[in-house]
């Protein structure tokens, strides 16, 4: 898991109710990467300064994801 948010932005951006399962993506040199999946956040209200959203770290599951995708491609699920 990892947490993310902004402390120094005039508008607070964060996950909110109903966002669970959504993507956390990062753009690097013109390519978008899925790095996290929305899990939860501290607050009962959305966008509270100093409170962050928590995300599942996708690269912790790379081996499982690749094994699952490859087994379905070969027809051995």
PDB file of N, CA and C in Angstrom:
ATOM      1  N   UNK A   1       0.853  -1.168   0.000  1.00  0.00           N
ATOM      2  CA  UNK A   1       0.000   0.000   0.000  1.00  0.00           C
ATOM      3  C   UNK A   1       0.902   1.236   0.000  1.00  0.00           C
ATOM      4  N   UNK A   2       0.345   2.323  -0.503  1.00  0.00           N
ATOM      5  CA  UNK A   2       1.001   3.616  -0.391  1.00  0.00           C
ATOM      6  C   UNK A   2      -0.079   4.673  -0.247  1.00  0.00           C
ATOM      7  N   UNK A   3       0.321   5.820   0.265  1.00  0.00           N
ATOM      8  CA  UNK A   3      -0.634   6.926   0.373  1.00  0.00           C
ATOM      9  C   UNK A   3      -0.162   8.058  -0.527  1.00  0.00           C
ATOM     10  N   UNK A   4      -1.106   8.888  -0.943  1.00  0.00           N
ATOM     11  CA  UNK A   4      -0.776   9.995  -1.834  1.00  0.00           C
ATOM     12  C   UNK A   4      -1.750  11.135  -1.604  1.00  0.00           C
ATOM     13  N   UNK A   5      -1.246  12.336  -1.813  1.00  0.00           N
ATOM     14  CA  UNK A   5      -2.067  13.528  -1.696  1.00  0.00           C
ATOM     15  C   UNK A   5      -1.189  14.756  -1.834  1.00  0.00           C
ATOM     16  N   UNK A   6      -1.803  15.913  -1.809  1.00  0.00           N
ATOM     17  CA  UNK A   6      -1.090  17.183  -1.932  1.00  0.00           C
ATOM     18  C   UNK A   6      -1.280  17.993  -0.660  1.00  0.00           C
ATOM     19  N   UNK A   7      -0.188  18.541  -0.139  1.00  0.00           N
ATOM     20  CA  UNK A   7      -0.270  19.453   0.997  1.00  0.00           C
ATOM     21  C   UNK A   7      -0.256  20.902   0.560  1.00  0.00           C
ATOM     22  N   UNK A   8       0.372  21.183  -0.577  1.00  0.00           N
ATOM     23  CA  UNK A   8       0.656  22.566  -0.955  1.00  0.00           C
ATOM     24  C   UNK A   8      -0.171  23.063  -2.139  1.00  0.00           C
ATOM     25  N   UNK A   9      -1.284  22.449  -2.425  1.00  0.00           N
ATOM     26  CA  UNK A   9      -2.120  22.868  -3.546  1.00  0.00           C
ATOM     27  C   UNK A   9      -3.301  23.692  -3.047  1.00  0.00           C
ATOM     28  N   UNK A  10      -3.708  24.722  -3.799  1.00  0.00           N
ATOM     29  CA  UNK A  10      -4.853  25.530  -3.379  1.00  0.00           C
ATOM     30  C   UNK A  10      -6.161  24.740  -3.386  1.00  0.00           C
ATOM     31  N   UNK A  11      -6.255  23.743  -4.250  1.00  0.00           N
ATOM     32  CA  UNK A  11      -7.435  22.883  -4.298  1.00  0.00           C
ATOM     33  C   UNK A  11      -6.989  21.478  -3.914  1.00  0.00           C
ATOM     34  N   UNK A  12      -7.597  20.931  -2.871  1.00  0.00           N
ATOM     35  CA  UNK A  12      -7.230  19.597  -2.416  1.00  0.00           C
ATOM     36  C   UNK A  12      -7.862  18.562  -3.342  1.00  0.00           C
ATOM     37  N   UNK A  13      -7.035  17.632  -3.827  1.00  0.00           N
ATOM     38  CA  UNK A  13      -7.523  16.545  -4.674  1.00  0.00           C
ATOM     39  C   UNK A  13      -7.275  15.237  -3.942  1.00  0.00           C
ATOM     40  N   UNK A  14      -8.289  14.417  -3.874  1.00  0.00           N
ATOM     41  CA  UNK A  14      -8.163  13.164  -3.149  1.00  0.00           C
ATOM     42  C   UNK A  14      -9.230  12.202  -3.639  1.00  0.00           C
ATOM     43  N   UNK A  15      -9.113  10.967  -3.196  1.00  0.00           N
ATOM     44  CA  UNK A  15     -10.157   9.997  -3.482  1.00  0.00           C
ATOM     45  C   UNK A  15     -11.393  10.345  -2.670  1.00  0.00           C
ATOM     46  N   UNK A  16     -12.509   9.809  -3.091  1.00  0.00           N
ATOM     47  CA  UNK A  16     -13.771  10.109  -2.423  1.00  0.00           C
ATOM     48  C   UNK A  16     -14.622   8.840  -2.384  1.00  0.00           C
ATOM     49  N   UNK A  17     -15.723   8.912  -1.690  1.00  0.00           N
ATOM     50  CA  UNK A  17     -16.639   7.783  -1.607  1.00  0.00           C
ATOM     51  C   UNK A  17     -17.022   7.323  -3.012  1.00  0.00           C
ATOM     52  N   UNK A  18     -16.933   6.022  -3.244  1.00  0.00           N
ATOM     53  CA  UNK A  18     -17.257   5.471  -4.556  1.00  0.00           C
ATOM     54  C   UNK A  18     -16.065   5.310  -5.480  1.00  0.00           C
ATOM     55  N   UNK A  19     -14.886   5.805  -5.081  1.00  0.00           N
ATOM     56  CA  UNK A  19     -13.693   5.711  -5.932  1.00  0.00           C
ATOM     57  C   UNK A  19     -12.948   4.383  -5.792  1.00  0.00           C
ATOM     58  N   UNK A  20     -13.254   3.591  -4.774  1.00  0.00           N
ATOM     59  CA  UNK A  20     -12.540   2.333  -4.534  1.00  0.00           C
ATOM     60  C   UNK A  20     -12.504   1.476  -5.786  1.00  0.00           C
ATOM     61  N   UNK A  21     -11.310   0.934  -6.066  1.00  0.00           N
ATOM     62  CA  UNK A  21     -11.127   0.107  -7.255  1.00  0.00           C
ATOM     63  C   UNK A  21     -10.702   0.891  -8.479  1.00  0.00           C
ATOM     64  N   UNK A  22     -10.721   2.208  -8.386  1.00  0.00           N
ATOM     65  CA  UNK A  22     -10.320   3.049  -9.506  1.00  0.00           C
ATOM     66  C   UNK A  22      -8.806   3.111  -9.652  1.00  0.00           C
ATOM     67  N   UNK A  23      -8.322   3.627 -10.778  1.00  0.00           N
ATOM     68  CA  UNK A  23      -6.889   3.646 -11.046  1.00  0.00           C
ATOM     69  C   UNK A  23      -6.167   4.850 -10.440  1.00  0.00           C
ATOM     70  N   UNK A  24      -4.912   4.641 -10.069  1.00  0.00           N
ATOM     71  CA  UNK A  24      -3.970   5.714  -9.754  1.00  0.00           C
ATOM     72  C   UNK A  24      -2.911   5.605 -10.838  1.00  0.00           C
ATOM     73  N   UNK A  25      -2.884   6.554 -11.753  1.00  0.00           N
ATOM     74  CA  UNK A  25      -1.983   6.479 -12.900  1.00  0.00           C
ATOM     75  C   UNK A  25      -0.959   7.608 -12.855  1.00  0.00           C
ATOM     76  N   UNK A  26       0.183   7.344 -13.484  1.00  0.00           N
ATOM     77  CA  UNK A  26       1.267   8.316 -13.582  1.00  0.00           C
ATOM     78  C   UNK A  26       1.706   8.370 -15.038  1.00  0.00           C
ATOM     79  N   UNK A  27       1.917   9.579 -15.550  1.00  0.00           N
ATOM     80  CA  UNK A  27       2.400   9.755 -16.919  1.00  0.00           C
ATOM     81  C   UNK A  27       3.899  10.021 -16.868  1.00  0.00           C
ATOM     82  N   UNK A  28       4.648   9.238 -17.635  1.00  0.00           N
ATOM     83  CA  UNK A  28       6.095   9.375 -17.687  1.00  0.00           C
ATOM     84  C   UNK A  28       6.530   9.330 -19.145  1.00  0.00           C
ATOM     85  N   UNK A  29       7.080  10.440 -19.628  1.00  0.00           N
ATOM     86  CA  UNK A  29       7.561  10.554 -21.012  1.00  0.00           C
ATOM     87  C   UNK A  29       6.509  10.117 -22.032  1.00  0.00           C
ATOM     88  N   UNK A  30       5.283  10.555 -21.823  1.00  0.00           N
ATOM     89  CA  UNK A  30       4.221  10.300 -22.787  1.00  0.00           C
ATOM     90  C   UNK A  30       3.510   8.966 -22.656  1.00  0.00           C
ATOM     91  N   UNK A  31       3.909   8.149 -21.691  1.00  0.00           N
ATOM     92  CA  UNK A  31       3.263   6.854 -21.473  1.00  0.00           C
ATOM     93  C   UNK A  31       2.616   6.847 -20.097  1.00  0.00           C
ATOM     94  N   UNK A  32       1.386   6.358 -20.039  1.00  0.00           N
ATOM     95  CA  UNK A  32       0.654   6.277 -18.777  1.00  0.00           C
ATOM     96  C   UNK A  32       0.853   4.902 -18.157  1.00  0.00           C
ATOM     97  N   UNK A  33       1.094   4.881 -16.835  1.00  0.00           N
ATOM     98  CA  UNK A  33       1.315   3.637 -16.097  1.00  0.00           C
ATOM     99  C   UNK A  33       0.321   3.538 -14.945  1.00  0.00           C
ATOM    100  N   UNK A  34      -0.233   2.347 -14.765  1.00  0.00           N
ATOM    101  CA  UNK A  34      -1.072   2.067 -13.610  1.00  0.00           C
ATOM    102  C   UNK A  34      -0.148   1.698 -12.460  1.00  0.00           C
ATOM    103  N   UNK A  35      -0.113   2.509 -11.413  1.00  0.00           N
ATOM    104  CA  UNK A  35       0.764   2.231 -10.278  1.00  0.00           C
ATOM    105  C   UNK A  35      -0.007   1.875  -9.013  1.00  0.00           C
ATOM    106  N   UNK A  36      -1.288   2.196  -8.984  1.00  0.00           N
ATOM    107  CA  UNK A  36      -2.067   1.898  -7.792  1.00  0.00           C
ATOM    108  C   UNK A  36      -3.540   1.724  -8.097  1.00  0.00           C
ATOM    109  N   UNK A  37      -4.235   1.136  -7.130  1.00  0.00           N
ATOM    110  CA  UNK A  37      -5.683   0.978  -7.194  1.00  0.00           C
ATOM    111  C   UNK A  37      -6.247   1.593  -5.917  1.00  0.00           C
ATOM    112  N   UNK A  38      -7.228   2.472  -6.066  1.00  0.00           N
ATOM    113  CA  UNK A  38      -7.813   3.175  -4.916  1.00  0.00           C
ATOM    114  C   UNK A  38      -8.340   2.156  -3.913  1.00  0.00           C
ATOM    115  N   UNK A  39      -7.930   2.337  -2.652  1.00  0.00           N
ATOM    116  CA  UNK A  39      -8.397   1.460  -1.589  1.00  0.00           C
ATOM    117  C   UNK A  39      -9.313   2.210  -0.625  1.00  0.00           C
ATOM    118  N   UNK A  40      -8.777   3.214   0.064  1.00  0.00           N
ATOM    119  CA  UNK A  40      -9.578   3.953   1.048  1.00  0.00           C
ATOM    120  C   UNK A  40      -8.899   5.269   1.384  1.00  0.00           C
ATOM    121  N   UNK A  41      -9.593   6.118   2.145  1.00  0.00           N
ATOM    122  CA  UNK A  41      -8.989   7.350   2.657  1.00  0.00           C
ATOM    123  C   UNK A  41      -9.467   7.584   4.083  1.00  0.00           C
ATOM    124  N   UNK A  42      -8.758   8.431   4.795  1.00  0.00           N
ATOM    125  CA  UNK A  42      -9.029   8.690   6.209  1.00  0.00           C
ATOM    126  C   UNK A  42     -10.380   9.330   6.476  1.00  0.00           C
ATOM    127  N   UNK A  43     -10.689  10.312   5.694  1.00  0.00           N
ATOM    128  CA  UNK A  43     -11.770  11.219   6.057  1.00  0.00           C
ATOM    129  C   UNK A  43     -13.157  10.716   5.685  1.00  0.00           C
ATOM    130  N   UNK A  44     -14.121  11.238   6.414  1.00  0.00           N
ATOM    131  CA  UNK A  44     -15.512  10.981   6.043  1.00  0.00           C
ATOM    132  C   UNK A  44     -15.945  11.983   4.981  1.00  0.00           C
ATOM    133  N   UNK A  45     -15.210  13.098   4.887  1.00  0.00           N
ATOM    134  CA  UNK A  45     -15.435  14.083   3.826  1.00  0.00           C
ATOM    135  C   UNK A  45     -14.294  13.960   2.828  1.00  0.00           C
ATOM    136  N   UNK A  46     -14.537  14.368   1.606  1.00  0.00           N
ATOM    137  CA  UNK A  46     -13.511  14.279   0.566  1.00  0.00           C
ATOM    138  C   UNK A  46     -12.652  15.542   0.551  1.00  0.00           C
ATOM    139  N   UNK A  47     -11.369  15.363   0.243  1.00  0.00           N
ATOM    140  CA  UNK A  47     -10.488  16.505   0.026  1.00  0.00           C
ATOM    141  C   UNK A  47     -10.169  17.317   1.260  1.00  0.00           C
ATOM    142  N   UNK A  48      -9.840  16.655   2.364  1.00  0.00           N
ATOM    143  CA  UNK A  48      -9.470  17.354   3.589  1.00  0.00           C
ATOM    144  C   UNK A  48      -7.955  17.560   3.589  1.00  0.00           C
ATOM    145  N   UNK A  49      -7.478  18.810   3.727  1.00  0.00           N
ATOM    146  CA  UNK A  49      -6.030  19.060   3.730  1.00  0.00           C
ATOM    147  C   UNK A  49      -5.320  18.221   4.793  1.00  0.00           C
ATOM    148  N   UNK A  50      -4.163  17.665   4.432  1.00  0.00           N
ATOM    149  CA  UNK A  50      -3.372  16.877   5.363  1.00  0.00           C
ATOM    150  C   UNK A  50      -3.840  15.438   5.514  1.00  0.00           C
ATOM    151  N   UNK A  51      -4.882  15.055   4.818  1.00  0.00           N
ATOM    152  CA  UNK A  51      -5.368  13.667   4.831  1.00  0.00           C
ATOM    153  C   UNK A  51      -5.162  13.084   3.437  1.00  0.00           C
ATOM    154  N   UNK A  52      -4.811  11.825   3.383  1.00  0.00           N
ATOM    155  CA  UNK A  52      -4.414  11.232   2.113  1.00  0.00           C
ATOM    156  C   UNK A  52      -5.247  10.012   1.766  1.00  0.00           C
ATOM    157  N   UNK A  53      -5.262   9.683   0.488  1.00  0.00           N
ATOM    158  CA  UNK A  53      -5.879   8.451   0.030  1.00  0.00           C
ATOM    159  C   UNK A  53      -4.866   7.318   0.095  1.00  0.00           C
ATOM    160  N   UNK A  54      -5.363   6.106   0.252  1.00  0.00           N
ATOM    161  CA  UNK A  54      -4.505   4.924   0.314  1.00  0.00           C
ATOM    162  C   UNK A  54      -4.789   4.033  -0.885  1.00  0.00           C
ATOM    163  N   UNK A  55      -3.714   3.478  -1.430  1.00  0.00           N
ATOM    164  CA  UNK A  55      -3.777   2.760  -2.692  1.00  0.00           C
ATOM    165  C   UNK A  55      -3.029   1.437  -2.591  1.00  0.00           C
ATOM    166  N   UNK A  56      -3.543   0.426  -3.276  1.00  0.00           N
ATOM    167  CA  UNK A  56      -2.830  -0.837  -3.414  1.00  0.00           C
ATOM    168  C   UNK A  56      -1.728  -0.633  -4.441  1.00  0.00           C
ATOM    169  N   UNK A  57      -0.519  -1.045  -4.098  1.00  0.00           N
ATOM    170  CA  UNK A  57       0.646  -0.882  -4.972  1.00  0.00           C
ATOM    171  C   UNK A  57       0.665  -2.021  -5.996  1.00  0.00           C
ATOM    172  N   UNK A  58       0.355  -1.696  -7.237  1.00  0.00           N
ATOM    173  CA  UNK A  58       0.162  -2.698  -8.283  1.00  0.00           C
ATOM    174  C   UNK A  58       1.413  -3.531  -8.525  1.00  0.00           C
ATOM    175  N   UNK A  59       2.596  -2.932  -8.477  1.00  0.00           N
ATOM    176  CA  UNK A  59       3.800  -3.712  -8.804  1.00  0.00           C
ATOM    177  C   UNK A  59       4.083  -4.813  -7.782  1.00  0.00           C
ATOM    178  N   UNK A  60       3.436  -4.772  -6.612  1.00  0.00           N
ATOM    179  CA  UNK A  60       3.559  -5.884  -5.666  1.00  0.00           C
ATOM    180  C   UNK A  60       2.877  -7.145  -6.197  1.00  0.00           C
ATOM    181  N   UNK A  61       2.034  -6.994  -7.200  1.00  0.00           N
ATOM    182  CA  UNK A  61       1.250  -8.102  -7.737  1.00  0.00           C
ATOM    183  C   UNK A  61       1.594  -8.410  -9.190  1.00  0.00           C
ATOM    184  N   UNK A  62       2.715  -7.873  -9.688  1.00  0.00           N
ATOM    185  CA  UNK A  62       3.090  -8.069 -11.095  1.00  0.00           C
ATOM    186  C   UNK A  62       3.166  -9.537 -11.494  1.00  0.00           C
ATOM    187  N   UNK A  63       3.821 -10.358 -10.680  1.00  0.00           N
ATOM    188  CA  UNK A  63       3.980 -11.771 -11.025  1.00  0.00           C
ATOM    189  C   UNK A  63       2.613 -12.454 -11.136  1.00  0.00           C
ATOM    190  N   UNK A  64       1.740 -12.215 -10.174  1.00  0.00           N
ATOM    191  CA  UNK A  64       0.403 -12.814 -10.198  1.00  0.00           C
ATOM    192  C   UNK A  64      -0.385 -12.326 -11.412  1.00  0.00           C
ATOM    193  N   UNK A  65      -0.316 -11.032 -11.695  1.00  0.00           N
ATOM    194  CA  UNK A  65      -1.038 -10.475 -12.849  1.00  0.00           C
ATOM    195  C   UNK A  65      -0.554 -11.132 -14.140  1.00  0.00           C
ATOM    196  N   UNK A  66       0.756 -11.194 -14.334  1.00  0.00           N
ATOM    197  CA  UNK A  66       1.306 -11.788 -15.557  1.00  0.00           C
ATOM    198  C   UNK A  66       0.968 -13.270 -15.666  1.00  0.00           C
ATOM    199  N   UNK A  67       1.084 -14.014 -14.555  1.00  0.00           N
ATOM    200  CA  UNK A  67       0.727 -15.438 -14.567  1.00  0.00           C
ATOM    201  C   UNK A  67      -0.736 -15.634 -14.940  1.00  0.00           C
ATOM    202  N   UNK A  68      -1.609 -14.803 -14.378  1.00  0.00           N
ATOM    203  CA  UNK A  68      -3.044 -14.915 -14.650  1.00  0.00           C
ATOM    204  C   UNK A  68      -3.357 -14.596 -16.105  1.00  0.00           C
ATOM    205  N   UNK A  69      -2.791 -13.511 -16.611  1.00  0.00           N
ATOM    206  CA  UNK A  69      -3.027 -13.128 -18.009  1.00  0.00           C
ATOM    207  C   UNK A  69      -2.493 -14.205 -18.949  1.00  0.00           C
ATOM    208  N   UNK A  70      -1.284 -14.684 -18.694  1.00  0.00           N
ATOM    209  CA  UNK A  70      -0.679 -15.684 -19.574  1.00  0.00           C
ATOM    210  C   UNK A  70      -1.424 -17.013 -19.527  1.00  0.00           C
ATOM    211  N   UNK A  71      -1.923 -17.415 -18.360  1.00  0.00           N
ATOM    212  CA  UNK A  71      -2.654 -18.686 -18.273  1.00  0.00           C
ATOM    213  C   UNK A  71      -3.979 -18.599 -19.019  1.00  0.00           C
ATOM    214  N   UNK A  72      -4.600 -17.454 -19.004  1.00  0.00           N
ATOM    215  CA  UNK A  72      -5.868 -17.296 -19.734  1.00  0.00           C
ATOM    216  C   UNK A  72      -5.625 -17.255 -21.240  1.00  0.00           C
ATOM    217  N   UNK A  73      -4.498 -16.701 -21.639  1.00  0.00           N
ATOM    218  CA  UNK A  73      -4.163 -16.683 -23.075  1.00  0.00           C
ATOM    219  C   UNK A  73      -3.922 -18.095 -23.592  1.00  0.00           C
ATOM    220  N   UNK A  74      -3.288 -18.918 -22.743  1.00  0.00           N
ATOM    221  CA  UNK A  74      -2.978 -20.284 -23.173  1.00  0.00           C
ATOM    222  C   UNK A  74      -4.147 -21.234 -22.925  1.00  0.00           C
ATOM    223  N   UNK A  75      -5.193 -20.749 -22.255  1.00  0.00           N
ATOM    224  CA  UNK A  75      -6.376 -21.571 -22.014  1.00  0.00           C
ATOM    225  C   UNK A  75      -6.263 -22.473 -20.809  1.00  0.00           C
ATOM    226  N   UNK A  76      -5.286 -22.201 -19.921  1.00  0.00           N
ATOM    227  CA  UNK A  76      -5.120 -23.015 -18.711  1.00  0.00           C
ATOM    228  C   UNK A  76      -5.365 -22.169 -17.479  1.00  0.00           C
ATOM    229  N   UNK A  77      -6.607 -21.816 -17.219  1.00  0.00           N
ATOM    230  CA  UNK A  77      -6.892 -20.974 -16.052  1.00  0.00           C
ATOM    231  C   UNK A  77      -7.081 -21.795 -14.807  1.00  0.00           C
TER     232      UNK A  77
END
